[in-house]
Amino acid sequence: MKKLTKKWLDFARADLEAAEVLLKSGKTHWSRQLSVLHCHQAIEKILKTVIISNGDEVKKVHNLIFLLNESKLKVPQEFKQYIEELNPHY
C-alpha cells in the first residue's frame, strides 16, 4: 500500500472512531450531529483513497456524490442513497 493511501485510510479510521465515541456518549443533539459529520469525513477520505489508488488526482471537494462518481466504484443503490442522505451534513 502506498504511503499516501495508508495515510488517508488512517485518517478515515480516526474519523470512524470519533463518530463512535460521540454516538455512544449521545448526551446532546450536538454529539449526534458531530458523529454524523465524522461519518461524512470518513466516507470522504475512503473515497479519496480509492481515487488516489486509481492513479487519479484528488480534488479539494467535500461532495460525497461527486467523489463517489470520481472513484468509479460500483456500489449498490442502497449505498448511493445513504451517500445522498449524508452528503448535506458536512
C-alpha atoms as a PDB file:
ATOM      1  CA  MET A   1       0.000   0.000   0.000  1.00  0.00           C
ATOM      2  CA  LYS A   2       1.301   3.422  -0.899  1.00  0.00           C
ATOM      3  CA  LYS A   3       2.257   5.714   1.934  1.00  0.00           C
ATOM      4  CA  LEU A   4      -0.322   8.298   0.816  1.00  0.00           C
ATOM      5  CA  THR A   5      -3.226   5.822   0.647  1.00  0.00           C
ATOM      6  CA  LYS A   6      -2.312   4.444   4.070  1.00  0.00           C
ATOM      7  CA  LYS A   7      -2.383   7.987   5.441  1.00  0.00           C
ATOM      8  CA  TRP A   8      -5.889   8.609   4.046  1.00  0.00           C
ATOM      9  CA  LEU A   9      -7.147   5.282   5.456  1.00  0.00           C
ATOM     10  CA  ASP A  10      -5.652   6.068   8.864  1.00  0.00           C
ATOM     11  CA  PHE A  11      -7.490   9.411   8.842  1.00  0.00           C
ATOM     12  CA  ALA A  12     -10.727   7.639   7.875  1.00  0.00           C
ATOM     13  CA  ARG A  13     -10.340   5.159  10.738  1.00  0.00           C
ATOM     14  CA  ALA A  14      -9.769   8.020  13.171  1.00  0.00           C
ATOM     15  CA  ASP A  15     -12.968   9.707  11.977  1.00  0.00           C
ATOM     16  CA  LEU A  16     -14.935   6.480  12.443  1.00  0.00           C
ATOM     17  CA  GLU A  17     -13.547   6.086  15.965  1.00  0.00           C
ATOM     18  CA  ALA A  18     -14.537   9.675  16.776  1.00  0.00           C
ATOM     19  CA  ALA A  19     -18.024   9.096  15.358  1.00  0.00           C
ATOM     20  CA  GLU A  20     -18.466   6.014  17.519  1.00  0.00           C
ATOM     21  CA  VAL A  21     -17.329   7.788  20.700  1.00  0.00           C
ATOM     22  CA  LEU A  22     -19.651  10.721  20.033  1.00  0.00           C
ATOM     23  CA  LEU A  23     -22.586   8.472  19.205  1.00  0.00           C
ATOM     24  CA  LYS A  24     -22.102   6.390  22.338  1.00  0.00           C
ATOM     25  CA  SER A  25     -21.894   9.489  24.509  1.00  0.00           C
ATOM     26  CA  GLY A  26     -25.138  10.698  22.925  1.00  0.00           C
ATOM     27  CA  LYS A  27     -25.638  13.312  25.608  1.00  0.00           C
ATOM     28  CA  THR A  28     -26.854  16.022  23.290  1.00  0.00           C
ATOM     29  CA  HIS A  29     -28.131  16.683  19.806  1.00  0.00           C
ATOM     30  CA  TRP A  30     -24.679  18.130  19.081  1.00  0.00           C
ATOM     31  CA  SER A  31     -22.971  14.839  19.936  1.00  0.00           C
ATOM     32  CA  ARG A  32     -25.108  13.068  17.363  1.00  0.00           C
ATOM     33  CA  GLN A  33     -24.607  15.827  14.787  1.00  0.00           C
ATOM     34  CA  LEU A  34     -20.834  15.693  15.225  1.00  0.00           C
ATOM     35  CA  SER A  35     -20.971  11.907  14.901  1.00  0.00           C
ATOM     36  CA  VAL A  36     -22.706  12.310  11.530  1.00  0.00           C
ATOM     37  CA  LEU A  37     -20.053  14.831  10.477  1.00  0.00           C
ATOM     38  CA  HIS A  38     -17.281  12.357  11.300  1.00  0.00           C
ATOM     39  CA  CYS A  39     -19.088   9.634   9.320  1.00  0.00           C
ATOM     40  CA  HIS A  40     -19.201  12.008   6.352  1.00  0.00           C
ATOM     41  CA  GLN A  41     -15.498  12.716   6.765  1.00  0.00           C
ATOM     42  CA  ALA A  42     -14.626   9.008   6.966  1.00  0.00           C
ATOM     43  CA  ILE A  43     -16.503   8.181   3.770  1.00  0.00           C
ATOM     44  CA  GLU A  44     -14.964  11.204   2.050  1.00  0.00           C
ATOM     45  CA  LYS A  45     -11.478  10.016   2.968  1.00  0.00           C
ATOM     46  CA  ILE A  46     -12.179   6.431   1.906  1.00  0.00           C
ATOM     47  CA  LEU A  47     -13.437   7.633  -1.484  1.00  0.00           C
ATOM     48  CA  LYS A  48     -10.368   9.847  -1.862  1.00  0.00           C
ATOM     49  CA  THR A  49      -8.193   6.818  -1.061  1.00  0.00           C
ATOM     50  CA  VAL A  50      -9.843   4.897  -3.899  1.00  0.00           C
ATOM     51  CA  ILE A  51      -9.342   7.845  -6.266  1.00  0.00           C
ATOM     52  CA  ILE A  52      -5.644   8.028  -5.340  1.00  0.00           C
ATOM     53  CA  SER A  53      -5.322   4.233  -5.741  1.00  0.00           C
ATOM     54  CA  ASN A  54      -6.738   4.586  -9.256  1.00  0.00           C
ATOM     55  CA  GLY A  55      -3.870   6.968 -10.023  1.00  0.00           C
ATOM     56  CA  ASP A  56      -6.148   9.985 -10.265  1.00  0.00           C
ATOM     57  CA  GLU A  57      -5.728  13.339  -8.572  1.00  0.00           C
ATOM     58  CA  VAL A  58      -7.966  14.192  -5.648  1.00  0.00           C
ATOM     59  CA  LYS A  59      -9.875  17.428  -5.941  1.00  0.00           C
ATOM     60  CA  LYS A  60     -10.446  19.597  -2.869  1.00  0.00           C
ATOM     61  CA  VAL A  61     -14.165  18.926  -2.533  1.00  0.00           C
ATOM     62  CA  HIS A  62     -16.382  17.519   0.191  1.00  0.00           C
ATOM     63  CA  ASN A  63     -19.257  16.405  -2.045  1.00  0.00           C
ATOM     64  CA  LEU A  64     -19.636  12.661  -1.492  1.00  0.00           C
ATOM     65  CA  ILE A  65     -21.728  12.157  -4.626  1.00  0.00           C
ATOM     66  CA  PHE A  66     -19.036  13.785  -6.758  1.00  0.00           C
ATOM     67  CA  LEU A  67     -16.308  11.753  -5.050  1.00  0.00           C
ATOM     68  CA  LEU A  68     -18.247   8.505  -5.476  1.00  0.00           C
ATOM     69  CA  ASN A  69     -18.525   9.199  -9.200  1.00  0.00           C
ATOM     70  CA  GLU A  70     -14.833  10.118  -9.404  1.00  0.00           C
ATOM     71  CA  SER A  71     -13.877   6.897  -7.597  1.00  0.00           C
ATOM     72  CA  LYS A  72     -15.566   4.810 -10.323  1.00  0.00           C
ATOM     73  CA  LEU A  73     -16.727   2.363  -7.645  1.00  0.00           C
ATOM     74  CA  LYS A  74     -19.690   0.159  -8.442  1.00  0.00           C
ATOM     75  CA  VAL A  75     -21.840   0.270  -5.319  1.00  0.00           C
ATOM     76  CA  PRO A  76     -25.369  -0.911  -4.557  1.00  0.00           C
ATOM     77  CA  GLN A  77     -28.220   1.593  -4.907  1.00  0.00           C
ATOM     78  CA  GLU A  78     -28.739   1.423  -1.147  1.00  0.00           C
ATOM     79  CA  PHE A  79     -25.220   2.766  -0.606  1.00  0.00           C
ATOM     80  CA  LYS A  80     -25.808   5.561  -3.126  1.00  0.00           C
ATOM     81  CA  GLN A  81     -28.955   6.549  -1.238  1.00  0.00           C
ATOM     82  CA  TYR A  82     -27.018   6.609   2.029  1.00  0.00           C
ATOM     83  CA  ILE A  83     -24.395   8.883   0.391  1.00  0.00           C
ATOM     84  CA  GLU A  84     -27.146  11.204  -0.864  1.00  0.00           C
ATOM     85  CA  GLU A  85     -28.657  11.455   2.622  1.00  0.00           C
ATOM     86  CA  LEU A  86     -25.302  12.002   4.324  1.00  0.00           C
ATOM     87  CA  ASN A  87     -23.909  14.445   1.764  1.00  0.00           C
ATOM     88  CA  PRO A  88     -25.592  17.649   3.073  1.00  0.00           C
ATOM     89  CA  HIS A  89     -24.315  17.054   6.621  1.00  0.00           C
ATOM     90  CA  TYR A  90     -20.805  18.326   6.040  1.00  0.00           C
END
